[in-house]
Amino acid sequence: MIEHSVQIPNERIVILDFGSQYTQLIARRIRELQIYAEIVPYYYPFAEIIKERPAAVILSGGPSSTYDKNAPKAAPEIFDLNIPILGICYGLYQVVEAFRGKTESASSKEYGRAIINLQGRSPLFAGLSDREQVWMSHGDKVVAVPPGFSVIASSENAEIAAIEDRERKIYGVQFHPEVYHTVNGKKVLHNFLFEICRLRPSWNMTSFIESSVESIRKEVGDGTVLLGLSGGVDSSVTAVLLEKAIGDRCYCVFVNNGVLRKDEHIQVVERFKKNMNLNLIYADASARFLKRLRGVDDPEKKRAIIGREFIRVFMDEAKRIGRFDFLAQGTLYPDVIESVSTRGPSDTIKSHHNRVPEVLKLIKSGKVIEPLKELFKDEVRELGRVLGMSEELINRQPFPGPGLAIRIIGEVTPERIRILQEADDIVVREIKEAGLYNDLWQIFAVYLPVKSVGVMGDSRTYENVIAIRGVTSVDAMTADWAYLPEGLLRKISNRIINEIKGINRVVYDISSKPPSTIEWE
């Protein structure tokens, strides 16, 4: 089974990952069209792909050039499967190379929005206009079309922007249809799935639950599972899914790591133990976490320390339980893709607390269950709704595993935690009061170890700064800074400065992702 053990008895797409940061978006767009898609690295054994009996194969983009030394290549047998194939960007070059065409470095690079001109009447572009806005990200170009292929689109900087061999159902596009900025990209994928592959929509969250429950039961057997429950959407949905699969053999351990939001430990215990009746264990380990974090200001070290300490706390709780067979985590795909890639040659953006060496070692040994690791946040929310969870919990904004430790720039101290907890509480309360909470992907406060001069009550002050970060997003892979009403920002700023000792300046972050990440660390 590819990557994870979820069994989907319907038609599926296999995506070969060549390292693009957009690869998971391909799978996500396909799933939105109710077709199951799985991602495997480009070097995944061909024999294993055969076992999957895929309805089609998609070749992703990637940072390499086909003429580079040691450039990643698809197994040649892929093109002999007699099933539809779609190559995207670098995937296009793989198609061209496999069928004896030619690519080379482009004199004019093409990044961002572009206009393509469609040629002929390709089924891949059925229902589209003659000119379409797409998203390009390439420094190479096709200069010779393989025998048997036709050009079906061009752009200003790429005379060959899309090709097809209609008889063999093999297609290649220079642009990225999976990216939101390709206006009709979803329609292109729809055409590939339903007009070319002739598939039927068959995958949804109900089928995901059924297959996940079956898979969890098979993997766990009569064992026990220890789940790190943070109280956020991801771990909460994981907890409900595990409880559905194995009942009270799932022990939900809620660890107070000392860097939670204001009064969060009280709220989580109330919600999950008293109201949802989950098998919850509360471990107050705040003192030991803060001791480990003392004097540490490097964000990667903070994440590593918190990840390792979580494992140690889990192991301590496992000894008290008396039996521990598996560790479960509410890991999502952005956690994986932004850490060390396990699929293709993707660049590491930042490590995550659930991808520290101790966890990776457990994953390699088969002792970690991550039923949501192929899903995006919006898919997890949909899953929560199907599981019957409350809208209040489902719509809870993301909160990082390392908590406020990575929203405090520099050393984590009890005083800085207190200040940030109070500031963040003001921000969230005011946003909710304004009715904007569900419109934003995230909004939170960040503590900056930067002092600035101020005046309070005719006296000079020299205090710290709070930054406010608000973003809108669909899947957290890209994000735009959120425009907030001037009056609301003024009210938030006034409250933070007037009510929290130690802060005399508030700033608003107006950077988007990319180039900035959503979290500051």
Protein backbone atom coordinates (compact mmCIF):
# COMPACT_ATOMS: atom_id res chain seq x y z
CA MET A 1 0.00 0.00 0.00
CA ILE A 2 1.31 3.46 -0.89
CA GLU A 3 2.61 5.57 2.02
CA HIS A 4 -0.26 4.82 4.40
CA SER A 5 -2.67 1.98 4.87
CA VAL A 6 -6.02 3.57 4.04
CA GLN A 7 -7.90 1.24 1.71
CA ILE A 8 -10.06 2.91 -0.92
CA PRO A 9 -11.86 0.37 -3.11
CA ASN A 10 -12.61 2.92 -5.85
CA GLU A 11 -10.65 4.39 -8.74
CA ARG A 12 -7.58 6.37 -7.76
CA ILE A 13 -4.84 8.61 -9.07
CA VAL A 14 -1.15 8.12 -8.26
CA ILE A 15 0.92 11.31 -8.15
CA LEU A 16 4.69 10.99 -8.58
CA ASP A 17 6.36 13.72 -6.54
CA PHE A 18 9.45 15.36 -8.04
CA GLY A 19 9.80 17.85 -5.21
CA SER A 20 7.35 20.65 -5.96
CA GLN A 21 5.97 22.59 -3.02
CA TYR A 22 2.64 22.40 -4.86
CA THR A 23 2.46 18.60 -5.08
CA GLN A 24 -0.05 18.17 -2.29
CA LEU A 25 -2.25 20.80 -3.91
CA ILE A 26 -2.64 18.45 -6.86
CA ALA A 27 -3.97 15.74 -4.56
CA ARG A 28 -6.19 18.21 -2.77
CA ARG A 29 -7.77 19.54 -5.98
CA ILE A 30 -8.40 15.99 -7.18
CA ARG A 31 -10.02 15.03 -3.89
CA GLU A 32 -12.25 18.09 -4.13
CA LEU A 33 -13.50 16.48 -7.32
CA GLN A 34 -14.22 13.31 -5.29
CA ILE A 35 -11.47 11.18 -6.75
CA TYR A 36 -8.94 9.60 -4.40
CA ALA A 37 -5.31 10.61 -5.00
CA GLU A 38 -2.12 9.41 -3.35
CA ILE A 39 1.36 10.90 -3.48
CA VAL A 40 4.49 8.78 -3.77
CA PRO A 41 8.11 9.80 -4.41
CA TYR A 42 9.31 9.66 -8.00
CA TYR A 43 11.60 6.76 -7.06
CA TYR A 44 8.76 4.65 -5.64
CA PRO A 45 9.16 1.06 -6.91
CA PHE A 46 7.29 0.47 -10.12
CA ALA A 47 6.16 -2.94 -8.85
CA GLU A 48 4.36 -1.20 -5.98
CA ILE A 49 2.66 1.22 -8.34
CA ILE A 50 1.40 -1.74 -10.37
CA LYS A 51 -0.18 -3.18 -7.22
CA GLU A 52 -2.18 0.04 -6.83
CA ARG A 53 -3.84 -0.44 -10.23
CA PRO A 54 -4.07 3.35 -10.68
CA ALA A 55 -6.56 4.80 -13.11
CA ALA A 56 -4.01 7.44 -14.12
CA VAL A 57 -0.63 8.87 -13.15
CA ILE A 58 0.22 12.53 -12.64
CA LEU A 59 3.85 13.70 -12.68
CA SER A 60 4.36 16.71 -10.42
CA GLY A 61 6.53 19.76 -10.83
CA GLY A 62 9.92 20.07 -9.19
CA PRO A 63 12.99 22.31 -8.77
CA SER A 64 15.31 20.29 -11.04
CA SER A 65 16.09 20.43 -14.74
CA THR A 66 16.05 17.23 -16.77
CA TYR A 67 19.55 17.93 -18.09
CA ASP A 68 21.01 18.28 -14.55
CA LYS A 69 23.36 15.61 -13.32
CA ASN A 70 21.39 13.16 -11.17
CA ALA A 71 18.09 14.81 -12.15
CA PRO A 72 15.13 12.82 -10.80
CA LYS A 73 13.48 10.63 -13.42
CA ALA A 74 10.31 8.59 -13.56
CA ALA A 75 10.61 4.86 -14.15
CA PRO A 76 10.40 4.34 -17.96
CA GLU A 77 7.80 1.61 -17.41
CA ILE A 78 5.36 4.28 -16.20
CA PHE A 79 4.80 5.32 -19.80
CA ASP A 80 3.98 1.75 -20.85
CA LEU A 81 1.05 1.30 -18.45
CA ASN A 82 -1.49 2.20 -21.12
CA ILE A 83 -3.31 4.57 -18.75
CA PRO A 84 -3.73 8.36 -18.96
CA ILE A 85 -0.75 10.45 -17.86
CA LEU A 86 -0.57 14.16 -17.05
CA GLY A 87 2.79 15.89 -16.61
CA ILE A 88 2.86 19.25 -14.80
CA CYS A 89 5.85 21.59 -15.29
CA TYR A 90 8.83 19.31 -14.54
CA GLY A 91 6.39 16.46 -15.18
CA LEU A 92 5.93 17.87 -18.69
CA TYR A 93 9.68 17.64 -19.21
CA GLN A 94 9.59 14.02 -18.06
CA VAL A 95 6.98 13.26 -20.72
CA VAL A 96 9.01 15.08 -23.37
CA GLU A 97 12.21 13.26 -22.43
CA ALA A 98 10.51 9.84 -22.30
CA PHE A 99 9.23 10.22 -25.85
CA ARG A 100 12.41 11.72 -27.37
CA GLY A 101 11.53 15.38 -27.35
CA LYS A 102 13.87 18.09 -26.07
CA THR A 103 13.98 20.69 -23.29
CA GLU A 104 16.55 23.34 -22.49
CA SER A 105 17.09 26.37 -20.27
CA ALA A 106 14.84 29.27 -21.22
CA SER A 107 16.38 32.67 -21.93
CA SER A 108 13.28 34.27 -20.39
CA LYS A 109 12.11 32.73 -17.13
CA GLU A 110 8.42 32.71 -16.35
CA TYR A 111 7.24 33.04 -12.75
CA GLY A 112 3.79 34.08 -11.59
CA ARG A 113 0.67 34.87 -13.57
CA ALA A 114 0.78 34.39 -17.34
CA ILE A 115 -1.62 34.13 -20.26
CA ILE A 116 -1.72 31.02 -22.44
CA ASN A 117 -3.27 30.83 -25.89
CA LEU A 118 -5.09 27.56 -26.56
CA GLN A 119 -4.67 25.79 -29.89
CA GLY A 120 -7.00 23.22 -31.39
CA ARG A 121 -9.75 21.55 -29.38
CA SER A 122 -8.02 19.41 -26.80
CA PRO A 123 -10.29 17.52 -24.37
CA LEU A 124 -7.93 18.72 -21.62
CA PHE A 125 -9.10 22.29 -22.22
CA ALA A 126 -12.77 21.59 -22.96
CA GLY A 127 -14.97 24.48 -21.89
CA LEU A 128 -12.09 26.98 -21.56
CA SER A 129 -11.60 30.27 -23.41
CA ASP A 130 -9.04 30.79 -26.16
CA ARG A 131 -6.94 32.79 -23.65
CA GLU A 132 -6.55 31.66 -20.05
CA GLN A 133 -4.75 33.07 -17.02
CA VAL A 134 -2.43 30.49 -15.47
CA TRP A 135 0.37 30.28 -12.91
CA MET A 136 3.85 29.62 -14.24
CA SER A 137 6.98 28.71 -12.30
CA HIS A 138 9.77 27.57 -14.61
CA GLY A 139 13.18 28.38 -15.98
CA ASP A 140 13.24 25.72 -18.70
CA LYS A 141 11.15 25.19 -21.82
CA VAL A 142 10.26 22.54 -24.37
CA VAL A 143 12.03 23.21 -27.66
CA ALA A 144 11.19 20.02 -29.59
CA VAL A 145 7.84 18.22 -29.37
CA PRO A 146 8.11 14.40 -29.21
CA PRO A 147 6.91 12.41 -32.24
CA GLY A 148 3.19 11.79 -32.06
CA PHE A 149 2.49 14.82 -29.83
CA SER A 150 0.73 18.06 -30.73
CA VAL A 151 1.07 21.54 -29.21
CA ILE A 152 -2.22 22.60 -27.60
CA ALA A 153 -1.18 25.85 -25.86
CA SER A 154 1.51 28.54 -25.94
CA SER A 155 2.46 31.60 -23.92
CA GLU A 156 4.62 34.68 -24.50
CA ASN A 157 7.70 32.99 -23.03
CA ALA A 158 6.85 29.37 -23.86
CA GLU A 159 5.87 28.56 -27.43
CA ILE A 160 5.12 25.04 -26.22
CA ALA A 161 3.05 25.50 -23.04
CA ALA A 162 1.02 22.27 -23.34
CA ILE A 163 1.16 19.12 -25.45
CA GLU A 164 -0.95 16.03 -26.03
CA ASP A 165 -0.87 12.58 -27.56
CA ARG A 166 -4.61 12.12 -27.65
CA GLU A 167 -4.49 8.54 -28.84
CA ARG A 168 -2.32 7.40 -25.92
CA LYS A 169 -4.01 9.88 -23.54
CA ILE A 170 -0.72 11.46 -22.49
CA TYR A 171 -0.71 15.17 -21.71
CA GLY A 172 1.77 17.73 -20.42
CA VAL A 173 1.32 21.34 -19.27
CA GLN A 174 3.95 23.95 -18.48
CA PHE A 175 1.73 25.75 -15.96
CA HIS A 176 0.36 24.64 -12.59
CA PRO A 177 -3.39 23.87 -12.78
CA GLU A 178 -3.41 22.96 -9.08
CA VAL A 179 -2.55 26.50 -7.96
CA TYR A 180 -5.38 28.86 -7.10
CA HIS A 181 -4.04 31.60 -9.41
CA THR A 182 -4.64 29.40 -12.48
CA VAL A 183 -8.19 30.64 -12.91
CA ASN A 184 -9.61 27.51 -14.55
CA GLY A 185 -7.03 25.07 -13.25
CA LYS A 186 -9.63 22.99 -11.47
CA LYS A 187 -11.55 22.71 -14.73
CA VAL A 188 -8.39 21.39 -16.44
CA LEU A 189 -8.05 18.70 -13.76
CA HIS A 190 -11.78 17.98 -14.04
CA ASN A 191 -11.38 17.42 -17.76
CA PHE A 192 -8.43 15.10 -17.22
CA LEU A 193 -10.29 13.02 -14.64
CA PHE A 194 -13.72 12.82 -16.20
CA GLU A 195 -13.31 13.52 -19.93
CA ILE A 196 -10.01 11.75 -20.49
CA CYS A 197 -9.79 9.14 -17.69
CA ARG A 198 -13.58 8.59 -17.61
CA LEU A 199 -13.62 8.25 -13.82
CA ARG A 200 -16.62 8.48 -11.53
CA PRO A 201 -16.65 10.68 -8.39
CA SER A 202 -16.45 8.17 -5.54
CA TRP A 203 -14.28 9.56 -2.72
CA ASN A 204 -15.52 11.70 0.17
CA MET A 205 -15.07 12.06 3.92
CA THR A 206 -17.58 9.33 4.66
CA SER A 207 -15.54 6.84 2.69
CA PHE A 208 -12.38 8.22 4.30
CA ILE A 209 -13.80 7.55 7.76
CA GLU A 210 -14.82 4.02 6.84
CA SER A 211 -11.45 3.15 5.35
CA SER A 212 -9.51 4.89 8.15
CA VAL A 213 -11.41 3.07 10.88
CA GLU A 214 -10.80 -0.25 9.13
CA SER A 215 -7.12 0.58 8.69
CA ILE A 216 -6.65 1.69 12.32
CA ARG A 217 -8.30 -1.44 13.65
CA LYS A 218 -6.13 -3.63 11.45
CA GLU A 219 -2.94 -1.82 12.42
CA VAL A 220 -3.60 -1.55 16.15
CA GLY A 221 -5.13 -4.99 16.65
CA ASP A 222 -5.78 -5.39 20.38
CA GLY A 223 -3.10 -2.81 21.26
CA THR A 224 -3.38 0.58 22.90
CA VAL A 225 -2.77 4.03 21.43
CA LEU A 226 -1.42 7.11 23.17
CA LEU A 227 -2.56 10.33 21.49
CA GLY A 228 -1.08 13.75 22.15
CA LEU A 229 -4.23 15.88 22.43
CA SER A 230 -3.65 19.63 22.19
CA GLY A 231 -7.30 20.62 22.03
CA GLY A 232 -6.94 21.96 18.49
CA VAL A 233 -8.86 20.80 15.45
CA ASP A 234 -6.26 18.31 14.20
CA SER A 235 -5.69 16.34 17.38
CA SER A 236 -9.36 16.57 18.35
CA VAL A 237 -10.54 15.05 15.06
CA THR A 238 -7.83 12.40 15.42
CA ALA A 239 -9.10 11.60 18.93
CA VAL A 240 -12.71 11.18 17.78
CA LEU A 241 -11.61 9.04 14.82
CA LEU A 242 -9.48 6.80 17.05
CA GLU A 243 -12.25 6.51 19.63
CA LYS A 244 -14.60 5.43 16.85
CA ALA A 245 -12.09 2.78 15.75
CA ILE A 246 -10.79 1.36 19.06
CA GLY A 247 -12.87 2.90 21.84
CA ASP A 248 -11.27 3.37 25.25
CA ARG A 249 -8.03 1.73 24.15
CA CYS A 250 -7.12 5.21 22.93
CA TYR A 251 -5.63 7.27 25.76
CA CYS A 252 -5.72 11.00 25.03
CA VAL A 253 -2.88 12.73 26.86
CA PHE A 254 -3.24 16.48 27.17
CA VAL A 255 0.09 18.00 28.11
CA ASN A 256 0.28 21.45 29.63
CA ASN A 257 3.64 22.53 28.27
CA GLY A 258 3.53 25.95 29.89
CA VAL A 259 3.20 27.80 26.58
CA LEU A 260 -0.53 27.41 26.01
CA ARG A 261 -2.98 30.25 25.53
CA LYS A 262 -4.63 31.91 28.51
CA ASP A 263 -6.68 29.40 30.57
CA GLU A 264 -6.47 26.85 27.75
CA HIS A 265 -5.66 23.92 30.05
CA ILE A 266 -8.91 24.50 31.95
CA GLN A 267 -10.96 24.74 28.75
CA VAL A 268 -9.51 21.58 27.18
CA VAL A 269 -10.12 19.41 30.24
CA GLU A 270 -13.66 20.75 30.50
CA ARG A 271 -14.42 20.13 26.82
CA PHE A 272 -12.94 16.67 26.32
CA LYS A 273 -13.22 14.95 29.65
CA LYS A 274 -16.52 16.28 30.92
CA ASN A 275 -18.42 17.06 27.73
CA MET A 276 -17.05 14.59 25.17
CA ASN A 277 -16.29 11.82 27.66
CA LEU A 278 -12.99 10.90 26.02
CA ASN A 279 -10.39 8.82 27.83
CA LEU A 280 -8.40 11.93 28.81
CA ILE A 281 -5.26 12.14 30.94
CA TYR A 282 -4.09 15.62 32.00
CA ALA A 283 -0.36 16.03 32.53
CA ASP A 284 0.89 19.34 33.88
CA ALA A 285 4.48 19.37 32.66
CA SER A 286 4.81 23.15 32.35
CA ALA A 287 7.71 23.40 34.80
CA ARG A 288 9.85 20.83 32.99
CA PHE A 289 9.20 22.35 29.57
CA LEU A 290 10.09 25.86 30.72
CA LYS A 291 13.23 24.54 32.40
CA ARG A 292 14.35 22.97 29.11
CA LEU A 293 13.57 26.18 27.20
CA ARG A 294 15.47 28.44 29.58
CA GLY A 295 18.13 30.44 27.73
CA VAL A 296 17.13 29.11 24.27
CA ASP A 297 16.34 31.66 21.57
CA ASP A 298 16.85 29.67 18.35
CA PRO A 299 13.43 28.64 16.92
CA GLU A 300 14.66 25.30 15.57
CA LYS A 301 16.08 24.41 18.98
CA LYS A 302 12.80 25.41 20.64
CA ARG A 303 10.86 23.09 18.34
CA ALA A 304 13.30 20.24 18.90
CA ILE A 305 13.23 20.67 22.68
CA ILE A 306 9.43 20.73 22.79
CA GLY A 307 9.15 17.73 20.46
CA ARG A 308 11.58 15.67 22.55
CA GLU A 309 9.97 16.66 25.83
CA PHE A 310 6.53 15.70 24.51
CA ILE A 311 7.84 12.22 23.78
CA ARG A 312 9.33 11.97 27.27
CA VAL A 313 6.07 13.04 28.87
CA PHE A 314 4.17 10.50 26.75
CA MET A 315 6.54 7.76 27.81
CA ASP A 316 6.07 8.68 31.47
CA GLU A 317 2.30 8.55 31.06
CA ALA A 318 2.55 5.25 29.17
CA LYS A 319 4.34 3.72 32.16
CA ARG A 320 1.48 4.84 34.40
CA ILE A 321 -1.06 3.32 32.00
CA GLY A 322 0.90 0.10 32.00
CA ARG A 323 0.74 -0.54 28.27
CA PHE A 324 1.66 1.50 25.21
CA ASP A 325 1.79 0.09 21.68
CA PHE A 326 1.40 3.10 19.39
CA LEU A 327 1.80 6.87 19.47
CA ALA A 328 -0.83 8.86 17.56
CA GLN A 329 -0.50 12.41 16.26
CA GLY A 330 -2.80 14.86 14.51
CA THR A 331 -0.17 15.54 11.86
CA LEU A 332 -1.34 17.28 8.67
CA TYR A 333 0.38 17.47 5.33
CA PRO A 334 1.76 21.03 5.77
CA ASP A 335 3.64 19.71 8.84
CA VAL A 336 5.25 17.06 6.65
CA ILE A 337 6.02 19.16 3.58
CA GLU A 338 7.54 22.00 5.66
CA SER A 339 9.75 19.57 7.56
CA VAL A 340 11.97 16.94 6.01
CA SER A 341 10.30 15.62 2.87
CA THR A 342 9.60 11.88 2.97
CA ARG A 343 8.43 11.74 -0.61
CA GLY A 344 10.47 13.77 -3.04
CA PRO A 345 13.41 16.19 -3.16
CA SER A 346 11.54 19.09 -1.53
CA ASP A 347 13.42 21.77 0.40
CA THR A 348 13.03 21.92 4.17
CA ILE A 349 11.26 25.15 5.19
CA LYS A 350 11.12 24.59 8.94
CA SER A 351 11.04 21.59 11.21
CA HIS A 352 7.98 20.68 13.26
CA HIS A 353 7.77 19.43 16.81
CA ASN A 354 6.10 16.24 15.55
CA ARG A 355 8.98 15.59 13.15
CA VAL A 356 11.92 15.63 15.57
CA PRO A 357 14.32 12.65 15.40
CA GLU A 358 12.67 10.82 18.29
CA VAL A 359 9.30 10.89 16.51
CA LEU A 360 10.82 10.03 13.14
CA LYS A 361 12.45 7.00 14.73
CA LEU A 362 9.07 5.82 16.01
CA ILE A 363 7.51 6.48 12.60
CA LYS A 364 10.19 4.38 10.92
CA SER A 365 9.53 1.54 13.36
CA GLY A 366 5.82 1.60 12.51
CA LYS A 367 4.81 2.75 15.98
CA VAL A 368 3.17 6.03 14.99
CA ILE A 369 -0.39 6.42 13.70
CA GLU A 370 -1.13 9.63 11.79
CA PRO A 371 -4.53 9.18 10.12
CA LEU A 372 -4.71 12.82 8.93
CA LYS A 373 -1.21 13.22 7.51
CA GLU A 374 -2.44 13.40 3.91
CA LEU A 375 -5.10 16.04 4.63
CA PHE A 376 -5.25 19.81 4.64
CA LYS A 377 -6.89 21.80 7.42
CA ASP A 378 -10.11 22.43 5.51
CA GLU A 379 -10.41 18.70 4.79
CA VAL A 380 -9.94 17.95 8.49
CA ARG A 381 -12.70 20.41 9.32
CA GLU A 382 -15.00 18.69 6.85
CA LEU A 383 -14.06 15.36 8.43
CA GLY A 384 -14.93 16.75 11.87
CA ARG A 385 -18.37 17.78 10.66
CA VAL A 386 -19.06 14.32 9.27
CA LEU A 387 -17.96 12.90 12.64
CA GLY A 388 -20.56 15.12 14.33
CA MET A 389 -18.21 17.46 16.16
CA SER A 390 -19.29 20.95 17.23
CA GLU A 391 -18.81 23.91 14.88
CA GLU A 392 -17.06 25.85 17.66
CA LEU A 393 -14.33 23.22 17.85
CA ILE A 394 -14.18 22.58 14.10
CA ASN A 395 -13.71 26.28 13.34
CA ARG A 396 -11.00 26.78 15.94
CA GLN A 397 -8.06 28.51 14.33
CA PRO A 398 -4.75 26.62 14.01
CA PHE A 399 -2.40 26.77 16.97
CA PRO A 400 1.17 25.50 16.62
CA GLY A 401 2.29 22.43 18.56
CA PRO A 402 5.17 24.36 20.16
CA GLY A 403 2.58 26.88 21.30
CA LEU A 404 3.55 30.38 22.32
CA ALA A 405 7.22 29.34 22.40
CA ILE A 406 7.48 30.14 18.70
CA ARG A 407 5.39 33.30 19.03
CA ILE A 408 7.87 34.66 21.54
CA ILE A 409 10.84 35.79 19.51
CA GLY A 410 13.92 35.05 21.57
CA GLU A 411 14.10 33.39 24.96
CA VAL A 412 10.90 32.03 26.51
CA THR A 413 10.42 33.35 30.05
CA PRO A 414 7.43 33.25 32.44
CA GLU A 415 7.03 37.02 32.16
CA ARG A 416 7.03 36.96 28.37
CA ILE A 417 4.51 34.10 28.38
CA ARG A 418 2.23 36.10 30.70
CA ILE A 419 2.41 39.19 28.49
CA LEU A 420 1.77 37.24 25.28
CA GLN A 421 -1.11 35.26 26.79
CA GLU A 422 -2.85 38.49 27.78
CA ALA A 423 -2.18 40.18 24.43
CA ASP A 424 -3.32 37.16 22.42
CA ASP A 425 -6.47 36.89 24.51
CA ILE A 426 -7.33 40.51 23.76
CA VAL A 427 -6.73 40.02 20.02
CA VAL A 428 -8.90 36.90 19.76
CA ARG A 429 -11.71 38.29 21.92
CA GLU A 430 -11.94 41.48 19.90
CA ILE A 431 -11.87 39.63 16.59
CA LYS A 432 -14.69 37.37 17.79
CA GLU A 433 -16.63 40.38 19.08
CA ALA A 434 -16.30 41.95 15.62
CA GLY A 435 -17.65 38.76 14.01
CA LEU A 436 -14.49 38.20 11.96
CA TYR A 437 -13.04 35.10 13.63
CA ASN A 438 -14.38 32.59 11.09
CA ASP A 439 -13.36 34.82 8.17
CA LEU A 440 -9.68 34.58 9.07
CA TRP A 441 -7.39 31.58 8.75
CA GLN A 442 -5.42 32.78 11.77
CA ILE A 443 -4.94 35.85 13.87
CA PHE A 444 -2.62 36.00 16.84
CA ALA A 445 -0.12 38.10 18.77
CA VAL A 446 3.66 37.79 18.65
CA TYR A 447 6.03 39.00 21.37
CA LEU A 448 9.03 40.90 20.01
CA PRO A 449 12.14 41.29 22.19
CA VAL A 450 12.55 44.81 20.83
CA LYS A 451 12.27 47.80 23.13
CA SER A 452 11.08 51.17 21.95
CA VAL A 453 10.58 54.56 23.56
CA GLY A 454 7.06 55.60 24.47
CA VAL A 455 5.19 58.13 26.57
CA MET A 456 2.60 57.16 29.19
CA GLY A 457 1.15 59.68 31.60
CA ASP A 458 3.76 62.28 30.61
CA SER A 459 6.52 59.84 31.54
CA ARG A 460 9.06 58.19 29.29
CA THR A 461 8.70 54.43 28.82
CA TYR A 462 11.07 51.93 27.29
CA GLU A 463 9.05 48.76 26.76
CA ASN A 464 8.51 45.87 24.35
CA VAL A 465 6.51 45.43 21.16
CA ILE A 466 3.57 43.18 20.27
CA ALA A 467 3.05 42.30 16.61
CA ILE A 468 -0.34 41.17 15.37
CA ARG A 469 -0.45 38.62 12.54
CA GLY A 470 -3.73 38.09 10.69
CA VAL A 471 -4.01 36.09 7.48
CA THR A 472 -6.57 34.68 5.09
CA SER A 473 -5.89 31.37 3.37
CA VAL A 474 -7.48 28.28 1.85
CA ASP A 475 -4.93 25.62 2.77
CA ALA A 476 -2.01 27.35 4.57
CA MET A 477 0.35 26.65 1.66
CA THR A 478 -0.17 30.27 0.61
CA ALA A 479 -1.68 33.12 2.62
CA ASP A 480 -2.49 36.82 2.27
CA TRP A 481 -2.35 39.29 5.13
CA ALA A 482 -5.83 40.16 6.31
CA TYR A 483 -7.22 43.67 5.93
CA LEU A 484 -8.87 44.62 9.22
CA PRO A 485 -11.03 47.69 9.90
CA GLU A 486 -9.02 50.65 11.17
CA GLY A 487 -11.27 51.10 14.17
CA LEU A 488 -10.81 47.46 15.22
CA LEU A 489 -7.03 47.69 14.97
CA ARG A 490 -7.10 50.90 17.00
CA LYS A 491 -9.21 49.28 19.71
CA ILE A 492 -6.95 46.20 19.91
CA SER A 493 -3.84 48.38 20.09
CA ASN A 494 -5.28 50.63 22.78
CA ARG A 495 -6.34 47.69 24.93
CA ILE A 496 -3.00 45.91 24.69
CA ILE A 497 -0.98 49.03 25.54
CA ASN A 498 -3.31 50.20 28.30
CA GLU A 499 -3.99 46.85 29.95
CA ILE A 500 -0.70 44.96 29.69
CA LYS A 501 2.29 46.18 31.66
CA GLY A 502 5.49 45.92 29.64
CA ILE A 503 4.09 46.82 26.19
CA ASN A 504 4.07 50.32 24.71
CA ARG A 505 3.86 49.60 20.98
CA VAL A 506 1.69 47.41 18.70
CA VAL A 507 2.45 46.73 15.03
CA TYR A 508 0.51 44.86 12.33
CA ASP A 509 2.21 42.34 10.03
CA ILE A 510 1.38 42.98 6.35
CA SER A 511 3.51 40.26 4.72
CA SER A 512 2.07 37.35 2.74
CA LYS A 513 3.10 33.70 2.37
CA PRO A 514 5.32 33.34 0.42
CA PRO A 515 7.77 34.90 1.04
CA SER A 516 6.92 34.93 4.76
CA THR A 517 5.54 31.95 6.66
CA ILE A 518 2.36 32.37 8.68
CA GLU A 519 4.12 31.82 12.01
CA TRP A 520 7.10 34.05 12.78
CA GLU A 521 9.26 31.11 13.86
